[in-house]
C-alpha atoms as a PDB file:
ATOM      1  CA  MET A   1      -0.053  -0.163  -0.146  1.00  0.00           C
ATOM      2  CA  LEU A   2       2.665   2.805   1.310  1.00  0.00           C
ATOM      3  CA  CYS A   3       4.132   1.634  -2.606  1.00  0.00           C
ATOM      4  CA  ALA A   4       1.089   2.849  -4.053  1.00  0.00           C
ATOM      5  CA  THR A   5       0.474   6.020  -2.322  1.00  0.00           C
ATOM      6  CA  ALA A   6       3.990   6.562  -2.749  1.00  0.00           C
ATOM      7  CA  ALA A   7       3.659   6.146  -6.672  1.00  0.00           C
ATOM      8  CA  ALA A   8       0.406   8.267  -6.561  1.00  0.00           C
ATOM      9  CA  SER A   9       2.036  11.257  -5.308  1.00  0.00           C
ATOM     10  CA  VAL A  10       4.509  11.516  -7.453  1.00  0.00           C
ATOM     11  CA  LEU A  11       2.177  11.285 -10.405  1.00  0.00           C
ATOM     12  CA  VAL A  12       0.097  14.295  -8.484  1.00  0.00           C
ATOM     13  CA  LEU A  13       3.178  15.938  -7.376  1.00  0.00           C
ATOM     14  CA  ALA A  14       4.329  15.562 -11.393  1.00  0.00           C
ATOM     15  CA  GLY A  15       1.157  16.800 -12.097  1.00  0.00           C
ATOM     16  CA  LEU A  16      -0.197  13.869 -14.076  1.00  0.00           C
ATOM     17  CA  GLY A  17      -2.495  12.727 -11.981  1.00  0.00           C
ATOM     18  CA  SER A  18      -4.086  16.833 -12.085  1.00  0.00           C
ATOM     19  CA  CYS A  19      -7.353  15.448 -13.219  1.00  0.00           C
ATOM     20  CA  ILE A  20      -8.071  12.672 -11.110  1.00  0.00           C
ATOM     21  CA  ASP A  21      -8.414  12.534  -7.507  1.00  0.00           C
ATOM     22  CA  GLY A  22      -6.237  11.401  -4.884  1.00  0.00           C
ATOM     23  CA  ALA A  23      -8.816   7.664  -4.409  1.00  0.00           C
ATOM     24  CA  ALA A  24      -8.594   7.018  -8.505  1.00  0.00           C
ATOM     25  CA  LEU A  25      -5.279   7.460  -8.656  1.00  0.00           C
ATOM     26  CA  THR A  26      -3.679   5.039  -5.729  1.00  0.00           C
ATOM     27  CA  ARG A  27      -6.677   2.772  -7.190  1.00  0.00           C
ATOM     28  CA  ARG A  28      -5.657   2.953 -10.964  1.00  0.00           C
ATOM     29  CA  VAL A  29      -2.309   2.389  -9.769  1.00  0.00           C
ATOM     30  CA  TRP A  30      -3.487  -0.570  -7.418  1.00  0.00           C
ATOM     31  CA  LEU A  31      -5.090  -2.260 -10.214  1.00  0.00           C
ATOM     32  CA  GLY A  32      -3.778  -0.549 -13.332  1.00  0.00           C
ATOM     33  CA  GLY A  33      -5.653  -0.452 -16.551  1.00  0.00           C
ATOM     34  CA  GLY A  34      -9.701  -1.210 -16.285  1.00  0.00           C
ATOM     35  CA  LEU A  35     -10.756  -4.631 -15.960  1.00  0.00           C
ATOM     36  CA  ILE A  36     -13.852  -4.363 -18.160  1.00  0.00           C
ATOM     37  CA  GLU A  37     -14.639  -2.040 -20.661  1.00  0.00           C
ATOM     38  CA  LEU A  38     -18.190  -1.157 -22.304  1.00  0.00           C
ATOM     39  CA  LYS A  39     -17.941  -0.996 -26.093  1.00  0.00           C
ATOM     40  CA  HIS A  40     -21.155  -0.940 -27.089  1.00  0.00           C
ATOM     41  CA  PRO A  41     -23.898   1.083 -26.002  1.00  0.00           C
ATOM     42  CA  ALA A  42     -21.829   4.539 -25.653  1.00  0.00           C
ATOM     43  CA  SER A  43     -23.287   6.700 -22.685  1.00  0.00           C
ATOM     44  CA  GLY A  44     -25.831   9.498 -23.621  1.00  0.00           C
ATOM     45  CA  VAL A  45     -26.797   7.916 -26.961  1.00  0.00           C
ATOM     46  CA  ARG A  46     -30.715   7.314 -27.857  1.00  0.00           C
ATOM     47  CA  VAL A  47     -31.524   3.933 -28.407  1.00  0.00           C
ATOM     48  CA  PRO A  48     -34.347   1.890 -30.515  1.00  0.00           C
ATOM     49  CA  HIS A  49     -36.930  -0.291 -29.180  1.00  0.00           C
ATOM     50  CA  GLY A  50     -36.697  -3.608 -29.388  1.00  0.00           C
ATOM     51  CA  GLY A  51     -33.389  -5.205 -28.091  1.00  0.00           C
ATOM     52  CA  LEU A  52     -29.980  -3.183 -27.168  1.00  0.00           C
ATOM     53  CA  ALA A  53     -26.724  -4.614 -28.371  1.00  0.00           C
ATOM     54  CA  VAL A  54     -24.416  -5.127 -25.557  1.00  0.00           C
ATOM     55  CA  LEU A  55     -20.462  -5.646 -26.365  1.00  0.00           C
ATOM     56  CA  VAL A  56     -18.247  -6.236 -22.941  1.00  0.00           C
ATOM     57  CA  ALA A  57     -14.384  -6.627 -23.732  1.00  0.00           C
ATOM     58  CA  PHE A  58     -12.242  -7.892 -20.700  1.00  0.00           C
ATOM     59  CA  PRO A  59      -8.808  -6.429 -21.613  1.00  0.00           C
ATOM     60  CA  ASP A  60      -6.758  -8.207 -19.321  1.00  0.00           C
ATOM     61  CA  GLN A  61      -7.830 -11.799 -19.265  1.00  0.00           C
ATOM     62  CA  ASP A  62      -4.814 -12.924 -17.400  1.00  0.00           C
ATOM     63  CA  ARG A  63      -5.893 -10.907 -14.138  1.00  0.00           C
ATOM     64  CA  VAL A  64      -9.784 -10.994 -14.876  1.00  0.00           C
ATOM     65  CA  LEU A  65     -12.758 -13.375 -13.143  1.00  0.00           C
ATOM     66  CA  PRO A  66     -14.981 -13.980 -15.825  1.00  0.00           C
ATOM     67  CA  ASP A  67     -17.489 -16.015 -13.342  1.00  0.00           C
ATOM     68  CA  THR A  68     -17.508 -13.165 -11.378  1.00  0.00           C
ATOM     69  CA  PHE A  69     -19.402 -10.743 -14.434  1.00  0.00           C
ATOM     70  CA  ARG A  70     -22.997  -9.040 -14.286  1.00  0.00           C
ATOM     71  CA  CYS A  71     -25.382  -7.200 -15.949  1.00  0.00           C
ATOM     72  CA  VAL A  72     -28.027  -5.019 -15.055  1.00  0.00           C
ATOM     73  CA  LEU A  73     -30.057  -3.018 -16.612  1.00  0.00           C
ATOM     74  CA  ASN A  74     -32.449  -1.190 -14.724  1.00  0.00           C
ATOM     75  CA  GLY A  75     -32.019  -2.739 -11.636  1.00  0.00           C
ATOM     76  CA  ARG A  76     -32.400  -6.081 -13.545  1.00  0.00           C
ATOM     77  CA  ASP A  77     -30.147  -8.604 -13.272  1.00  0.00           C
ATOM     78  CA  LEU A  78     -29.860  -9.799 -16.705  1.00  0.00           C
ATOM     79  CA  THR A  79     -26.199 -11.923 -16.696  1.00  0.00           C
ATOM     80  CA  ARG A  80     -28.035 -14.685 -18.181  1.00  0.00           C
ATOM     81  CA  GLU A  81     -29.273 -12.568 -21.463  1.00  0.00           C
ATOM     82  CA  LEU A  82     -25.443 -12.364 -22.211  1.00  0.00           C
ATOM     83  CA  ALA A  83     -22.887 -14.703 -24.181  1.00  0.00           C
ATOM     84  CA  ARG A  84     -19.722 -14.893 -22.295  1.00  0.00           C
ATOM     85  CA  ASP A  85     -16.008 -16.068 -22.846  1.00  0.00           C
ATOM     86  CA  ARG A  86     -12.514 -15.121 -21.353  1.00  0.00           C
ATOM     87  CA  GLU A  87     -12.714 -12.944 -23.881  1.00  0.00           C
ATOM     88  CA  GLY A  88     -15.823 -10.872 -22.725  1.00  0.00           C
ATOM     89  CA  ALA A  89     -19.633 -10.908 -23.108  1.00  0.00           C
ATOM     90  CA  THR A  90     -21.726 -10.158 -26.050  1.00  0.00           C
ATOM     91  CA  GLY A  91     -25.825 -10.252 -26.850  1.00  0.00           C
ATOM     92  CA  SER A  92     -29.119  -8.298 -26.979  1.00  0.00           C
ATOM     93  CA  LEU A  93     -31.056  -7.132 -23.617  1.00  0.00           C
ATOM     94  CA  SER A  94     -34.380  -6.409 -23.039  1.00  0.00           C
ATOM     95  CA  PRO A  95     -37.207  -5.333 -22.712  1.00  0.00           C
ATOM     96  CA  LEU A  96     -35.782  -1.781 -22.310  1.00  0.00           C
ATOM     97  CA  ARG A  97     -38.370   1.522 -20.480  1.00  0.00           C
ATOM     98  CA  GLU A  98     -38.802   4.991 -22.541  1.00  0.00           C
ATOM     99  CA  GLY A  99     -36.773   7.327 -21.550  1.00  0.00           C
ATOM    100  CA  SER A 100     -33.723   6.903 -19.626  1.00  0.00           C
ATOM    101  CA  ASN A 101     -32.382   3.145 -19.268  1.00  0.00           C
ATOM    102  CA  ARG A 102     -29.063   2.560 -16.753  1.00  0.00           C
ATOM    103  CA  LEU A 103     -26.766  -0.145 -18.226  1.00  0.00           C
ATOM    104  CA  ARG A 104     -24.078  -1.218 -14.938  1.00  0.00           C
ATOM    105  CA  VAL A 105     -21.653  -3.815 -15.883  1.00  0.00           C
ATOM    106  CA  GLU A 106     -19.283  -4.901 -13.467  1.00  0.00           C
ATOM    107  CA  ILE A 107     -16.266  -8.041 -12.497  1.00  0.00           C
ATOM    108  CA  PHE A 108     -14.175  -9.169 -10.343  1.00  0.00           C
ATOM    109  CA  GLY A 109     -10.638  -9.120 -10.569  1.00  0.00           C
ATOM    110  CA  ARG A 110      -6.459  -9.129  -9.661  1.00  0.00           C
ATOM    111  CA  GLY A 111      -4.877  -6.066  -9.178  1.00  0.00           C
ATOM    112  CA  LEU A 112      -1.555  -5.651 -10.292  1.00  0.00           C
ATOM    113  CA  TRP A 113       0.350  -5.666  -6.883  1.00  0.00           C
ATOM    114  CA  GLY A 114      -0.183  -8.629  -5.326  1.00  0.00           C
ATOM    115  CA  ASP A 115      -3.304 -11.100  -4.856  1.00  0.00           C
ATOM    116  CA  ARG A 116      -5.777  -9.168  -3.996  1.00  0.00           C
ATOM    117  CA  PHE A 117      -9.157  -8.561  -5.707  1.00  0.00           C
ATOM    118  CA  TYR A 118     -10.733  -6.196  -7.102  1.00  0.00           C
ATOM    119  CA  GLN A 119     -13.787  -4.839  -8.942  1.00  0.00           C
ATOM    120  CA  ASP A 120     -14.517  -2.459 -11.619  1.00  0.00           C
ATOM    121  CA  VAL A 121     -17.588  -1.139 -12.920  1.00  0.00           C
ATOM    122  CA  VAL A 122     -18.763   0.474 -15.642  1.00  0.00           C
ATOM    123  CA  GLU A 123     -22.119   2.681 -16.000  1.00  0.00           C
ATOM    124  CA  VAL A 124     -24.007   4.062 -19.081  1.00  0.00           C
ATOM    125  CA  GLU A 125     -26.831   6.240 -19.155  1.00  0.00           C
ATOM    126  CA  PHE A 126     -29.060   6.051 -22.322  1.00  0.00           C
ATOM    127  CA  GLU A 127     -31.957   7.025 -23.479  1.00  0.00           C
ATOM    128  CA  VAL A 128     -34.998   5.521 -25.533  1.00  0.00           C
ATOM    129  CA  PRO A 129     -37.652   7.656 -27.633  1.00  0.00           C
ATOM    130  CA  PRO A 130     -41.293   6.864 -26.958  1.00  0.00           C
ATOM    131  CA  LEU A 131     -43.205   5.243 -29.387  1.00  0.00           C
ATOM    132  CA  TYR A 132     -44.911   7.337 -32.156  1.00  0.00           C
ATOM    133  CA  THR A 133     -48.947   6.545 -31.983  1.00  0.00           C
ATOM    134  CA  LEU A 134     -51.177   7.062 -35.177  1.00  0.00           C
ATOM    135  CA  ASP A 135     -53.583   9.486 -32.869  1.00  0.00           C
ATOM    136  CA  ARG A 136     -50.518  12.076 -33.109  1.00  0.00           C
ATOM    137  CA  ALA A 137     -50.587  11.550 -36.286  1.00  0.00           C
ATOM    138  CA  ALA A 138     -51.740  14.513 -38.419  1.00  0.00           C
ATOM    139  CA  LEU A 139     -52.719  13.798 -42.487  1.00  0.00           C
ATOM    140  CA  PRO A 140     -51.908  16.228 -44.891  1.00  0.00           C
ATOM    141  CA  PRO A 141     -54.917  18.924 -45.769  1.00  0.00           C
ATOM    142  CA  PRO A 142     -55.638  17.657 -48.959  1.00  0.00           C
ATOM    143  CA  PRO A 143     -55.072  19.453 -52.026  1.00  0.00           C
ATOM    144  CA  SER A 144     -56.620  23.009 -53.075  1.00  0.00           C
ATOM    145  CA  ALA A 145     -58.368  22.741 -56.479  1.00  0.00           C
END
């Protein structure tokens, strides 16, 4: 712990950690790069109705414990809906609700130093627009003769 704290302090003093708070920087030194990478969907996008295509990668496969992977959509655990292997997970999730939706993916893995395990979490929010209904649609006026 002392080495990681010292390394984080050196990076902060060097100006490399000015954009990152101390706790996040210390975690980055201990954990290394992220254990999980959400390739699709991106945060803030508008998604059409139907299923949501999800693509998750595990960049450092040697440190990740794939059996601990979880995928939660709007509070519902939908991990079983995705096909998983050592490299990541992929699949389609539904149902989506109109308006704001939240997707959370998480996994446990080993840190760079020692045999401690850490949890890595990625959360994104995306929008699903409302469905159009025929009672809102207006017909164009008839052509005038």
